[in-house]
Amino acid sequence: MKKQTEKRRFGYIRVSSKTQNEGRQRDALLNEGILERDIFIDKQSGKDFSRPAYQQMIQSLQPGDEIVILDLDRLGRSYSEMAKEWNYITEERECNIRVINYPLLNTAQEEKTLDRRFIAKLTFEILSYVGEKEKSEIQRRQREGIESAKAKGVRFGRTKIPRPEGFEGIYQRVLRREITNRQAMRELNLKPNTYYAFVKELTLEKP
């Protein structure tokens, strides 16, 4: 495929939810000269690359084009998956990536300079390693914190709802068929799951 003489520049924005504002990222891309029409925005998690705007941008790429993002984590959350995507864009699609907040993460070639693609890839590998190391360390500290709290008697999960006063008497009326289970739930102001959990608990208590 013949390369274009003039590259196109695309901006990519990702926020984790529809309620988050993408203004900061948009302003940064516009300040870099990216045209509004060439900015692609996804409002969803970065757990994978199955994002509509991102895929639309990737399908639009031609050799020599450039993708500009504000921060590396806007590309995705998993460094291992990002590494694959980074190689796909730069090697297979023959395009460039530039991360505004990380000047070394710029794969564009420039005359009379070192191989920027190599420097960018090396920098990305280092950041990937640090990111995964940091994630593992956070998970380790969380596990240790939970184990320590459990050892001190701290209980995790939902707080158990105490059995309502008079539950047994009302349930005895159910057993005598004076009222239905549904009526008992209304009187006790309990949801079905909670009501039947108490029924089971009460049954187990009986000799």
Protein backbone atom coordinates (compact mmCIF):
# COMPACT_ATOMS: atom_id res chain seq x y z
CA MET A 1 0.00 0.00 0.00
CA LYS A 2 1.37 3.40 -0.95
CA LYS A 3 1.88 5.77 1.95
CA GLN A 4 0.17 9.14 2.05
CA THR A 5 2.27 12.26 1.52
CA GLU A 6 0.31 14.12 4.21
CA LYS A 7 -0.53 12.40 7.45
CA ARG A 8 -3.83 12.83 9.25
CA ARG A 9 -3.99 13.40 12.99
CA PHE A 10 -6.72 11.89 15.14
CA GLY A 11 -7.45 12.65 18.76
CA TYR A 12 -8.83 10.01 21.08
CA ILE A 13 -10.73 10.67 24.32
CA ARG A 14 -12.00 8.15 26.86
CA VAL A 15 -13.87 8.73 30.08
CA SER A 16 -15.09 5.86 32.25
CA SER A 17 -18.76 6.84 32.41
CA LYS A 18 -21.35 9.02 30.70
CA THR A 19 -21.44 11.38 33.68
CA GLN A 20 -17.72 12.25 33.46
CA ASN A 21 -16.67 15.35 31.57
CA GLU A 22 -14.23 15.02 28.69
CA GLY A 23 -13.51 18.78 28.56
CA ARG A 24 -9.93 18.59 29.83
CA GLN A 25 -8.94 16.01 27.25
CA ARG A 26 -10.77 17.83 24.45
CA ASP A 27 -9.06 21.14 25.25
CA ALA A 28 -5.65 19.48 25.26
CA LEU A 29 -6.25 17.89 21.84
CA LEU A 30 -7.58 21.10 20.34
CA ASN A 31 -4.51 22.94 21.66
CA GLU A 32 -2.40 20.40 19.79
CA GLY A 33 -4.12 21.35 16.55
CA ILE A 34 -6.42 18.34 16.28
CA LEU A 35 -9.60 19.29 14.44
CA GLU A 36 -12.89 18.80 16.28
CA ARG A 37 -14.13 16.54 13.48
CA ASP A 38 -11.12 14.24 14.01
CA ILE A 39 -11.67 13.68 17.73
CA PHE A 40 -13.18 10.34 18.74
CA ILE A 41 -14.83 9.96 22.15
CA ASP A 42 -15.83 6.86 24.12
CA LYS A 43 -17.63 7.00 27.46
CA GLN A 44 -17.01 3.56 28.88
CA SER A 45 -14.51 1.39 30.73
CA GLY A 46 -11.07 0.82 29.30
CA LYS A 47 -11.01 -2.88 30.21
CA ASP A 48 -10.77 -3.83 26.51
CA PHE A 49 -10.76 -2.24 23.08
CA SER A 50 -14.33 -3.10 22.07
CA ARG A 51 -15.31 0.56 22.06
CA PRO A 52 -17.33 1.98 19.14
CA ALA A 53 -15.53 5.31 18.66
CA TYR A 54 -12.11 3.72 19.12
CA GLN A 55 -12.83 1.01 16.56
CA GLN A 56 -14.19 3.61 14.13
CA MET A 57 -10.95 5.58 14.48
CA ILE A 58 -8.78 2.48 13.99
CA GLN A 59 -10.68 1.55 10.83
CA SER A 60 -10.05 5.07 9.48
CA LEU A 61 -6.27 4.84 9.85
CA GLN A 62 -3.96 4.95 6.88
CA PRO A 63 -0.16 4.44 7.01
CA GLY A 64 1.53 7.56 8.36
CA ASP A 65 -1.49 8.80 10.36
CA GLU A 66 -1.08 9.78 13.99
CA ILE A 67 -3.20 9.15 17.10
CA VAL A 68 -2.87 11.71 19.89
CA ILE A 69 -4.07 11.10 23.46
CA LEU A 70 -3.62 13.15 26.63
CA ASP A 71 -2.61 10.36 29.04
CA LEU A 72 -1.57 6.76 28.52
CA ASP A 73 -4.44 5.41 30.63
CA ARG A 74 -6.94 6.96 28.19
CA LEU A 75 -5.88 4.25 25.75
CA GLY A 76 -6.80 1.46 28.17
CA ARG A 77 -6.46 -0.05 31.63
CA SER A 78 -4.57 -3.28 31.00
CA TYR A 79 -0.93 -2.69 30.13
CA SER A 80 -0.59 -6.12 28.53
CA GLU A 81 -3.56 -5.41 26.23
CA MET A 82 -2.29 -1.89 25.52
CA ALA A 83 1.09 -3.31 24.50
CA LYS A 84 -0.59 -5.50 21.89
CA GLU A 85 -2.64 -2.56 20.60
CA TRP A 86 0.41 -0.29 20.58
CA ASN A 87 2.31 -2.78 18.40
CA TYR A 88 -0.72 -3.29 16.15
CA ILE A 89 -1.05 0.45 15.50
CA THR A 90 2.65 1.17 15.03
CA GLU A 91 3.77 -2.01 13.30
CA GLU A 92 0.80 -3.44 11.38
CA ARG A 93 -1.06 -0.21 10.63
CA GLU A 94 2.23 1.73 10.25
CA CYS A 95 0.83 4.68 12.19
CA ASN A 96 2.17 6.81 15.03
CA ILE A 97 1.03 7.39 18.59
CA ARG A 98 1.74 10.46 20.70
CA VAL A 99 0.90 10.86 24.38
CA ILE A 100 0.80 14.55 25.29
CA ASN A 101 1.69 14.13 28.97
CA TYR A 102 4.55 11.76 28.16
CA PRO A 103 6.73 13.49 25.52
CA LEU A 104 8.91 10.38 25.10
CA LEU A 105 5.84 8.40 24.04
CA ASN A 106 5.93 9.75 20.52
CA THR A 107 6.66 7.26 17.73
CA ALA A 108 6.80 9.85 14.92
CA GLN A 109 10.10 9.84 13.05
CA GLU A 110 12.05 13.06 12.76
CA GLU A 111 15.11 13.74 10.68
CA LYS A 112 18.51 14.01 12.40
CA THR A 113 17.19 12.52 15.65
CA LEU A 114 17.44 9.13 17.32
CA ASP A 115 14.90 6.52 16.36
CA ARG A 116 11.86 7.91 18.20
CA ARG A 117 9.85 4.76 17.56
CA PHE A 118 12.44 2.73 19.46
CA ILE A 119 12.63 5.26 22.32
CA ALA A 120 8.83 5.41 22.57
CA LYS A 121 8.51 1.63 22.62
CA LEU A 122 11.21 1.34 25.29
CA THR A 123 9.50 4.03 27.38
CA PHE A 124 6.16 2.27 27.00
CA GLU A 125 7.68 -1.03 28.15
CA ILE A 126 9.13 0.67 31.24
CA LEU A 127 5.82 2.36 32.06
CA SER A 128 4.01 -0.95 31.52
CA TYR A 129 6.34 -2.69 33.93
CA VAL A 130 5.97 0.03 36.55
CA GLY A 131 2.18 0.10 36.11
CA GLU A 132 1.78 -3.67 36.49
CA LYS A 133 4.18 -3.68 39.45
CA GLU A 134 2.19 -0.91 41.12
CA LYS A 135 -1.10 -2.76 40.49
CA SER A 136 0.31 -5.96 42.01
CA GLU A 137 1.59 -4.03 45.00
CA ILE A 138 -1.81 -2.41 45.59
CA GLN A 139 -3.53 -5.81 45.37
CA ARG A 140 -0.99 -7.31 47.78
CA ARG A 141 -1.54 -4.51 50.32
CA GLN A 142 -5.31 -4.93 49.98
CA ARG A 143 -5.06 -8.69 50.64
CA GLU A 144 -2.81 -8.14 53.64
CA GLY A 145 -5.16 -5.45 54.97
CA ILE A 146 -8.19 -7.73 54.67
CA GLU A 147 -6.36 -10.65 56.30
CA SER A 148 -5.22 -8.39 59.15
CA ALA A 149 -8.73 -7.02 59.65
CA LYS A 150 -10.23 -10.53 59.67
CA ALA A 151 -7.69 -11.61 62.27
CA LYS A 152 -8.94 -8.76 64.46
CA GLY A 153 -12.53 -9.92 64.06
CA VAL A 154 -13.65 -7.44 61.41
CA ARG A 155 -16.40 -8.94 59.26
CA PHE A 156 -16.75 -8.13 55.57
CA GLY A 157 -19.83 -8.20 53.38
CA ARG A 158 -23.34 -7.02 54.06
CA THR A 159 -24.35 -6.27 57.64
CA LYS A 160 -26.77 -8.93 58.81
CA ILE A 161 -30.30 -7.68 59.43
CA PRO A 162 -31.54 -8.69 62.88
CA ARG A 163 -34.63 -10.88 62.99
CA PRO A 164 -37.65 -8.62 63.62
CA GLU A 165 -39.28 -8.81 67.04
CA GLY A 166 -42.36 -11.00 66.86
CA PHE A 167 -41.19 -12.85 63.75
CA GLU A 168 -41.77 -16.28 65.29
CA GLY A 169 -45.32 -15.44 66.36
CA ILE A 170 -46.26 -14.15 62.91
CA TYR A 171 -44.67 -17.16 61.22
CA GLN A 172 -46.67 -19.48 63.53
CA ARG A 173 -49.81 -17.83 62.13
CA VAL A 174 -48.54 -18.75 58.66
CA LEU A 175 -48.09 -22.35 59.76
CA ARG A 176 -51.65 -22.34 61.14
CA ARG A 177 -52.77 -20.95 57.75
CA GLU A 178 -54.26 -17.87 59.35
CA ILE A 179 -52.24 -15.66 57.00
CA THR A 180 -50.12 -16.25 53.90
CA ASN A 181 -46.37 -15.81 53.59
CA ARG A 182 -46.96 -12.71 51.48
CA GLN A 183 -49.11 -11.17 54.22
CA ALA A 184 -46.46 -12.04 56.80
CA MET A 185 -43.83 -10.27 54.69
CA ARG A 186 -45.98 -7.14 54.55
CA GLU A 187 -46.54 -7.16 58.31
CA LEU A 188 -42.84 -7.61 58.98
CA ASN A 189 -41.78 -5.25 56.18
CA LEU A 190 -39.36 -7.83 54.78
CA LYS A 191 -38.31 -8.73 51.26
CA PRO A 192 -38.83 -12.37 50.17
CA ASN A 193 -35.15 -13.34 50.33
CA THR A 194 -34.75 -11.93 53.83
CA TYR A 195 -38.06 -13.38 55.03
CA TYR A 196 -37.24 -16.91 53.86
CA ALA A 197 -33.71 -16.65 55.27
CA PHE A 198 -35.26 -15.99 58.68
CA VAL A 199 -37.71 -18.87 58.15
CA LYS A 200 -34.75 -21.19 57.46
CA GLU A 201 -32.87 -19.83 60.45
CA LEU A 202 -35.88 -20.33 62.69
CA THR A 203 -36.39 -23.89 61.42
CA LEU A 204 -32.76 -24.79 62.13
CA GLU A 205 -33.12 -23.50 65.68
CA LYS A 206 -35.95 -25.94 66.42
CA PRO A 207 -34.86 -29.22 68.07
